[in-house]
Amino acid sequence: MTMKKYIKQLNEDGVTLIETLIVMGLLSIMLVVLATIFTSAADVQQQSKSYSSTITSGRFIIARLNYDIAHASTITAPSAPGTTSPTLGLTISGTAYTYTLSGNNLQLTDGSGSDNLNSDDVIVSSPSFQELSNGNRKPTILYSFTISSVAKSH
Protein backbone atom coordinates (compact mmCIF):
# COMPACT_ATOMS: atom_id res chain seq x y z
CA MET A 1 0.00 0.00 0.00
CA THR A 2 1.43 3.39 -0.97
CA MET A 3 1.49 6.35 1.35
CA LYS A 4 -1.22 8.20 -0.57
CA LYS A 5 -3.54 5.21 -0.38
CA TYR A 6 -2.80 4.77 3.34
CA ILE A 7 -3.58 8.44 4.09
CA LYS A 8 -6.75 8.24 1.99
CA GLN A 9 -7.78 5.06 3.84
CA LEU A 10 -7.01 6.75 7.16
CA ASN A 11 -9.11 9.79 6.22
CA GLU A 12 -12.03 7.57 5.27
CA ASP A 13 -11.85 5.22 8.27
CA GLY A 14 -10.71 7.77 10.89
CA VAL A 15 -8.80 7.01 14.05
CA THR A 16 -10.36 5.18 16.95
CA LEU A 17 -10.20 6.35 20.55
CA ILE A 18 -8.11 3.29 21.50
CA GLU A 19 -5.49 4.10 18.86
CA THR A 20 -5.30 7.71 20.06
CA LEU A 21 -4.89 6.61 23.70
CA ILE A 22 -2.13 4.13 22.77
CA VAL A 23 -0.19 6.82 20.88
CA MET A 24 -0.64 9.31 23.74
CA GLY A 25 0.52 6.70 26.28
CA LEU A 26 3.64 5.87 24.28
CA LEU A 27 4.48 9.56 23.87
CA SER A 28 4.00 10.14 27.60
CA ILE A 29 6.35 7.28 28.45
CA MET A 30 8.96 8.64 26.06
CA LEU A 31 8.67 12.14 27.55
CA VAL A 32 9.08 10.82 31.10
CA VAL A 33 12.17 8.83 30.11
CA LEU A 34 13.71 11.84 28.33
CA ALA A 35 12.98 14.14 31.28
CA THR A 36 14.62 11.67 33.67
CA ILE A 37 17.71 11.40 31.47
CA PHE A 38 17.97 15.20 31.21
CA THR A 39 17.60 15.68 34.97
CA SER A 40 20.25 13.03 35.68
CA ALA A 41 22.66 14.63 33.22
CA ALA A 42 22.15 18.06 34.82
CA ASP A 43 22.81 16.60 38.31
CA VAL A 44 26.01 14.90 37.15
CA GLN A 45 27.20 18.13 35.55
CA GLN A 46 26.56 20.08 38.79
CA GLN A 47 28.38 17.47 40.90
CA SER A 48 31.33 17.50 38.52
CA LYS A 49 31.53 21.30 38.62
CA SER A 50 31.39 21.31 42.44
CA TYR A 51 34.07 18.63 42.71
CA SER A 52 36.34 20.47 40.30
CA SER A 53 35.93 23.79 42.13
CA THR A 54 36.63 22.16 45.50
CA ILE A 55 39.77 20.40 44.25
CA THR A 56 41.04 23.56 42.52
CA SER A 57 40.55 25.71 45.63
CA GLY A 58 42.21 23.09 47.85
CA ARG A 59 45.23 22.81 45.58
CA PHE A 60 45.60 26.59 45.37
CA ILE A 61 45.44 27.00 49.16
CA ILE A 62 48.04 24.25 49.71
CA ALA A 63 50.37 25.69 47.06
CA ARG A 64 50.10 29.20 48.53
CA LEU A 65 50.69 27.99 52.09
CA ASN A 66 53.71 25.90 51.03
CA TYR A 67 55.22 28.79 49.09
CA ASP A 68 54.77 31.34 51.86
CA ILE A 69 55.98 29.01 54.62
CA ALA A 70 59.11 28.16 52.59
CA HIS A 71 59.88 31.87 52.09
CA ALA A 72 59.09 33.03 55.65
CA SER A 73 61.87 34.51 57.72
CA THR A 74 59.89 34.32 60.99
CA ILE A 75 56.68 32.82 62.29
CA THR A 76 54.58 35.09 64.50
CA ALA A 77 51.62 32.75 65.05
CA PRO A 78 51.43 30.13 66.45
CA SER A 79 53.51 31.86 69.09
CA ALA A 80 55.73 28.95 70.18
CA PRO A 81 56.83 25.55 68.88
CA GLY A 82 54.33 22.85 69.76
CA THR A 83 51.37 25.22 70.11
CA THR A 84 48.39 25.13 67.78
CA SER A 85 46.53 28.16 66.46
CA PRO A 86 43.64 28.78 64.04
CA THR A 87 45.73 31.65 62.62
CA LEU A 88 49.08 31.56 60.84
CA GLY A 89 51.32 34.62 60.98
CA LEU A 90 54.47 34.86 58.87
CA THR A 91 56.99 37.54 58.03
CA ILE A 92 58.31 37.44 54.47
CA SER A 93 60.83 40.09 53.34
CA GLY A 94 59.70 42.38 56.18
CA THR A 95 55.99 42.09 55.27
CA ALA A 96 53.51 40.48 57.67
CA TYR A 97 51.30 37.74 56.18
CA THR A 98 48.32 36.47 58.18
CA TYR A 99 46.12 33.50 57.29
CA THR A 100 42.77 33.50 59.15
CA LEU A 101 39.30 32.10 58.75
CA SER A 102 36.79 34.79 57.85
CA GLY A 103 33.29 33.32 57.67
CA ASN A 104 33.61 30.37 55.28
CA ASN A 105 36.76 31.70 53.61
CA LEU A 106 40.45 31.28 54.31
CA GLN A 107 41.69 34.84 54.09
CA LEU A 108 45.24 36.07 53.50
CA THR A 109 46.10 39.55 54.73
CA ASP A 110 49.38 41.12 53.69
CA GLY A 111 50.76 44.60 53.04
CA SER A 112 48.44 45.11 50.06
CA GLY A 113 45.16 44.09 51.72
CA SER A 114 43.04 40.97 52.26
CA ASP A 115 42.01 38.28 49.76
CA ASN A 116 39.99 35.12 50.04
CA LEU A 117 41.98 32.09 48.91
CA ASN A 118 39.00 29.86 48.09
CA SER A 119 36.24 30.37 45.54
CA ASP A 120 32.72 31.42 46.52
CA ASP A 121 31.25 27.94 46.02
CA VAL A 122 33.70 26.34 48.47
CA ILE A 123 33.65 26.39 52.28
CA VAL A 124 36.84 26.24 54.34
CA SER A 125 36.57 25.26 57.99
CA SER A 126 38.68 24.16 60.95
CA PRO A 127 42.06 25.63 60.00
CA SER A 128 44.82 24.54 62.36
CA PHE A 129 48.45 25.60 62.31
CA GLN A 130 51.16 24.11 64.53
CA GLU A 131 54.81 25.09 64.59
CA LEU A 132 57.09 22.08 64.92
CA SER A 133 60.43 22.46 66.64
CA ASN A 134 63.41 21.63 64.42
CA GLY A 135 66.29 22.74 66.64
CA ASN A 136 68.31 25.40 64.82
CA ARG A 137 66.84 24.67 61.40
CA LYS A 138 64.12 26.72 59.77
CA PRO A 139 60.77 26.20 61.56
CA THR A 140 58.24 23.80 60.07
CA ILE A 141 54.47 24.30 60.09
CA LEU A 142 51.98 21.46 60.30
CA TYR A 143 48.66 22.68 58.95
CA SER A 144 45.24 21.21 58.30
CA PHE A 145 41.87 22.49 57.17
CA THR A 146 38.59 21.10 55.88
CA ILE A 147 37.29 22.12 52.48
CA SER A 148 33.82 21.30 51.17
CA SER A 149 31.46 22.33 48.41
CA VAL A 150 28.51 24.67 48.88
CA ALA A 151 26.45 22.72 46.30
CA LYS A 152 24.01 20.20 47.67
CA SER A 153 23.35 16.85 46.00
CA HIS A 154 19.77 15.76 45.38
C-alpha atoms as a PDB file:
ATOM      1  CA  MET A   1       0.000   0.000   0.000  1.00  0.00           C
ATOM      2  CA  THR A   2       1.433   3.390  -0.965  1.00  0.00           C
ATOM      3  CA  MET A   3       1.486   6.352   1.351  1.00  0.00           C
ATOM      4  CA  LYS A   4      -1.217   8.201  -0.570  1.00  0.00           C
ATOM      5  CA  LYS A   5      -3.540   5.209  -0.379  1.00  0.00           C
ATOM      6  CA  TYR A   6      -2.797   4.774   3.337  1.00  0.00           C
ATOM      7  CA  ILE A   7      -3.582   8.444   4.092  1.00  0.00           C
ATOM      8  CA  LYS A   8      -6.748   8.239   1.992  1.00  0.00           C
ATOM      9  CA  GLN A   9      -7.777   5.055   3.836  1.00  0.00           C
ATOM     10  CA  LEU A  10      -7.006   6.750   7.163  1.00  0.00           C
ATOM     11  CA  ASN A  11      -9.110   9.794   6.218  1.00  0.00           C
ATOM     12  CA  GLU A  12     -12.026   7.573   5.268  1.00  0.00           C
ATOM     13  CA  ASP A  13     -11.854   5.221   8.274  1.00  0.00           C
ATOM     14  CA  GLY A  14     -10.715   7.768  10.894  1.00  0.00           C
ATOM     15  CA  VAL A  15      -8.805   7.006  14.052  1.00  0.00           C
ATOM     16  CA  THR A  16     -10.357   5.181  16.951  1.00  0.00           C
ATOM     17  CA  LEU A  17     -10.197   6.352  20.550  1.00  0.00           C
ATOM     18  CA  ILE A  18      -8.110   3.295  21.504  1.00  0.00           C
ATOM     19  CA  GLU A  19      -5.488   4.102  18.860  1.00  0.00           C
ATOM     20  CA  THR A  20      -5.295   7.706  20.064  1.00  0.00           C
ATOM     21  CA  LEU A  21      -4.890   6.606  23.703  1.00  0.00           C
ATOM     22  CA  ILE A  22      -2.129   4.133  22.773  1.00  0.00           C
ATOM     23  CA  VAL A  23      -0.188   6.817  20.880  1.00  0.00           C
ATOM     24  CA  MET A  24      -0.639   9.312  23.743  1.00  0.00           C
ATOM     25  CA  GLY A  25       0.519   6.697  26.276  1.00  0.00           C
ATOM     26  CA  LEU A  26       3.638   5.866  24.280  1.00  0.00           C
ATOM     27  CA  LEU A  27       4.478   9.564  23.868  1.00  0.00           C
ATOM     28  CA  SER A  28       3.996  10.136  27.598  1.00  0.00           C
ATOM     29  CA  ILE A  29       6.347   7.278  28.455  1.00  0.00           C
ATOM     30  CA  MET A  30       8.964   8.637  26.058  1.00  0.00           C
ATOM     31  CA  LEU A  31       8.673  12.144  27.546  1.00  0.00           C
ATOM     32  CA  VAL A  32       9.082  10.825  31.102  1.00  0.00           C
ATOM     33  CA  VAL A  33      12.174   8.830  30.110  1.00  0.00           C
ATOM     34  CA  LEU A  34      13.712  11.838  28.326  1.00  0.00           C
ATOM     35  CA  ALA A  35      12.980  14.144  31.284  1.00  0.00           C
ATOM     36  CA  THR A  36      14.616  11.665  33.670  1.00  0.00           C
ATOM     37  CA  ILE A  37      17.708  11.401  31.474  1.00  0.00           C
ATOM     38  CA  PHE A  38      17.972  15.198  31.206  1.00  0.00           C
ATOM     39  CA  THR A  39      17.597  15.677  34.974  1.00  0.00           C
ATOM     40  CA  SER A  40      20.246  13.025  35.681  1.00  0.00           C
ATOM     41  CA  ALA A  41      22.657  14.630  33.222  1.00  0.00           C
ATOM     42  CA  ALA A  42      22.153  18.059  34.821  1.00  0.00           C
ATOM     43  CA  ASP A  43      22.814  16.604  38.314  1.00  0.00           C
ATOM     44  CA  VAL A  44      26.007  14.895  37.149  1.00  0.00           C
ATOM     45  CA  GLN A  45      27.199  18.127  35.549  1.00  0.00           C
ATOM     46  CA  GLN A  46      26.563  20.079  38.795  1.00  0.00           C
ATOM     47  CA  GLN A  47      28.375  17.468  40.895  1.00  0.00           C
ATOM     48  CA  SER A  48      31.332  17.502  38.516  1.00  0.00           C
ATOM     49  CA  LYS A  49      31.527  21.302  38.621  1.00  0.00           C
ATOM     50  CA  SER A  50      31.392  21.309  42.443  1.00  0.00           C
ATOM     51  CA  TYR A  51      34.069  18.629  42.713  1.00  0.00           C
ATOM     52  CA  SER A  52      36.343  20.473  40.305  1.00  0.00           C
ATOM     53  CA  SER A  53      35.929  23.786  42.131  1.00  0.00           C
ATOM     54  CA  THR A  54      36.633  22.161  45.496  1.00  0.00           C
ATOM     55  CA  ILE A  55      39.767  20.403  44.246  1.00  0.00           C
ATOM     56  CA  THR A  56      41.040  23.558  42.520  1.00  0.00           C
ATOM     57  CA  SER A  57      40.552  25.707  45.632  1.00  0.00           C
ATOM     58  CA  GLY A  58      42.208  23.087  47.850  1.00  0.00           C
ATOM     59  CA  ARG A  59      45.230  22.812  45.580  1.00  0.00           C
ATOM     60  CA  PHE A  60      45.598  26.586  45.369  1.00  0.00           C
ATOM     61  CA  ILE A  61      45.444  27.003  49.157  1.00  0.00           C
ATOM     62  CA  ILE A  62      48.038  24.251  49.713  1.00  0.00           C
ATOM     63  CA  ALA A  63      50.371  25.694  47.064  1.00  0.00           C
ATOM     64  CA  ARG A  64      50.095  29.198  48.530  1.00  0.00           C
ATOM     65  CA  LEU A  65      50.693  27.988  52.092  1.00  0.00           C
ATOM     66  CA  ASN A  66      53.706  25.896  51.032  1.00  0.00           C
ATOM     67  CA  TYR A  67      55.217  28.789  49.085  1.00  0.00           C
ATOM     68  CA  ASP A  68      54.766  31.343  51.864  1.00  0.00           C
ATOM     69  CA  ILE A  69      55.980  29.008  54.621  1.00  0.00           C
ATOM     70  CA  ALA A  70      59.105  28.164  52.594  1.00  0.00           C
ATOM     71  CA  HIS A  71      59.882  31.868  52.089  1.00  0.00           C
ATOM     72  CA  ALA A  72      59.088  33.027  55.649  1.00  0.00           C
ATOM     73  CA  SER A  73      61.871  34.508  57.718  1.00  0.00           C
ATOM     74  CA  THR A  74      59.891  34.322  60.986  1.00  0.00           C
ATOM     75  CA  ILE A  75      56.683  32.816  62.289  1.00  0.00           C
ATOM     76  CA  THR A  76      54.578  35.094  64.497  1.00  0.00           C
ATOM     77  CA  ALA A  77      51.616  32.746  65.046  1.00  0.00           C
ATOM     78  CA  PRO A  78      51.426  30.132  66.450  1.00  0.00           C
ATOM     79  CA  SER A  79      53.510  31.860  69.088  1.00  0.00           C
ATOM     80  CA  ALA A  80      55.730  28.947  70.178  1.00  0.00           C
ATOM     81  CA  PRO A  81      56.832  25.548  68.884  1.00  0.00           C
ATOM     82  CA  GLY A  82      54.328  22.845  69.765  1.00  0.00           C
ATOM     83  CA  THR A  83      51.370  25.216  70.109  1.00  0.00           C
ATOM     84  CA  THR A  84      48.392  25.132  67.776  1.00  0.00           C
ATOM     85  CA  SER A  85      46.526  28.155  66.461  1.00  0.00           C
ATOM     86  CA  PRO A  86      43.637  28.781  64.036  1.00  0.00           C
ATOM     87  CA  THR A  87      45.729  31.648  62.619  1.00  0.00           C
ATOM     88  CA  LEU A  88      49.081  31.565  60.838  1.00  0.00           C
ATOM     89  CA  GLY A  89      51.319  34.623  60.985  1.00  0.00           C
ATOM     90  CA  LEU A  90      54.467  34.864  58.869  1.00  0.00           C
ATOM     91  CA  THR A  91      56.993  37.542  58.025  1.00  0.00           C
ATOM     92  CA  ILE A  92      58.314  37.445  54.467  1.00  0.00           C
ATOM     93  CA  SER A  93      60.826  40.093  53.343  1.00  0.00           C
ATOM     94  CA  GLY A  94      59.699  42.383  56.177  1.00  0.00           C
ATOM     95  CA  THR A  95      55.988  42.090  55.273  1.00  0.00           C
ATOM     96  CA  ALA A  96      53.511  40.479  57.666  1.00  0.00           C
ATOM     97  CA  TYR A  97      51.299  37.745  56.176  1.00  0.00           C
ATOM     98  CA  THR A  98      48.322  36.467  58.179  1.00  0.00           C
ATOM     99  CA  TYR A  99      46.120  33.496  57.293  1.00  0.00           C
ATOM    100  CA  THR A 100      42.772  33.501  59.146  1.00  0.00           C
ATOM    101  CA  LEU A 101      39.299  32.097  58.751  1.00  0.00           C
ATOM    102  CA  SER A 102      36.786  34.789  57.846  1.00  0.00           C
ATOM    103  CA  GLY A 103      33.292  33.319  57.673  1.00  0.00           C
ATOM    104  CA  ASN A 104      33.613  30.368  55.278  1.00  0.00           C
ATOM    105  CA  ASN A 105      36.760  31.700  53.612  1.00  0.00           C
ATOM    106  CA  LEU A 106      40.445  31.282  54.308  1.00  0.00           C
ATOM    107  CA  GLN A 107      41.687  34.841  54.093  1.00  0.00           C
ATOM    108  CA  LEU A 108      45.240  36.071  53.501  1.00  0.00           C
ATOM    109  CA  THR A 109      46.096  39.548  54.732  1.00  0.00           C
ATOM    110  CA  ASP A 110      49.382  41.125  53.695  1.00  0.00           C
ATOM    111  CA  GLY A 111      50.762  44.604  53.043  1.00  0.00           C
ATOM    112  CA  SER A 112      48.441  45.113  50.058  1.00  0.00           C
ATOM    113  CA  GLY A 113      45.161  44.093  51.723  1.00  0.00           C
ATOM    114  CA  SER A 114      43.036  40.966  52.256  1.00  0.00           C
ATOM    115  CA  ASP A 115      42.015  38.285  49.760  1.00  0.00           C
ATOM    116  CA  ASN A 116      39.986  35.116  50.041  1.00  0.00           C
ATOM    117  CA  LEU A 117      41.979  32.088  48.910  1.00  0.00           C
ATOM    118  CA  ASN A 118      39.002  29.864  48.094  1.00  0.00           C
ATOM    119  CA  SER A 119      36.243  30.368  45.539  1.00  0.00           C
ATOM    120  CA  ASP A 120      32.716  31.423  46.519  1.00  0.00           C
ATOM    121  CA  ASP A 121      31.255  27.939  46.021  1.00  0.00           C
ATOM    122  CA  VAL A 122      33.703  26.342  48.472  1.00  0.00           C
ATOM    123  CA  ILE A 123      33.649  26.387  52.281  1.00  0.00           C
ATOM    124  CA  VAL A 124      36.841  26.243  54.339  1.00  0.00           C
ATOM    125  CA  SER A 125      36.568  25.261  57.990  1.00  0.00           C
ATOM    126  CA  SER A 126      38.684  24.164  60.949  1.00  0.00           C
ATOM    127  CA  PRO A 127      42.064  25.626  59.998  1.00  0.00           C
ATOM    128  CA  SER A 128      44.818  24.538  62.361  1.00  0.00           C
ATOM    129  CA  PHE A 129      48.452  25.599  62.310  1.00  0.00           C
ATOM    130  CA  GLN A 130      51.156  24.109  64.532  1.00  0.00           C
ATOM    131  CA  GLU A 131      54.815  25.087  64.591  1.00  0.00           C
ATOM    132  CA  LEU A 132      57.089  22.080  64.920  1.00  0.00           C
ATOM    133  CA  SER A 133      60.431  22.462  66.639  1.00  0.00           C
ATOM    134  CA  ASN A 134      63.414  21.631  64.419  1.00  0.00           C
ATOM    135  CA  GLY A 135      66.290  22.742  66.642  1.00  0.00           C
ATOM    136  CA  ASN A 136      68.311  25.398  64.825  1.00  0.00           C
ATOM    137  CA  ARG A 137      66.835  24.670  61.400  1.00  0.00           C
ATOM    138  CA  LYS A 138      64.117  26.721  59.766  1.00  0.00           C
ATOM    139  CA  PRO A 139      60.767  26.197  61.560  1.00  0.00           C
ATOM    140  CA  THR A 140      58.238  23.799  60.068  1.00  0.00           C
ATOM    141  CA  ILE A 141      54.473  24.304  60.094  1.00  0.00           C
ATOM    142  CA  LEU A 142      51.983  21.462  60.303  1.00  0.00           C
ATOM    143  CA  TYR A 143      48.662  22.682  58.949  1.00  0.00           C
ATOM    144  CA  SER A 144      45.244  21.212  58.300  1.00  0.00           C
ATOM    145  CA  PHE A 145      41.866  22.495  57.173  1.00  0.00           C
ATOM    146  CA  THR A 146      38.595  21.104  55.876  1.00  0.00           C
ATOM    147  CA  ILE A 147      37.291  22.122  52.482  1.00  0.00           C
ATOM    148  CA  SER A 148      33.824  21.301  51.165  1.00  0.00           C
ATOM    149  CA  SER A 149      31.457  22.331  48.414  1.00  0.00           C
ATOM    150  CA  VAL A 150      28.505  24.673  48.876  1.00  0.00           C
ATOM    151  CA  ALA A 151      26.445  22.718  46.297  1.00  0.00           C
ATOM    152  CA  LYS A 152      24.007  20.198  47.668  1.00  0.00           C
ATOM    153  CA  SER A 153      23.351  16.846  46.000  1.00  0.00           C
ATOM    154  CA  HIS A 154      19.765  15.756  45.379  1.00  0.00           C
END
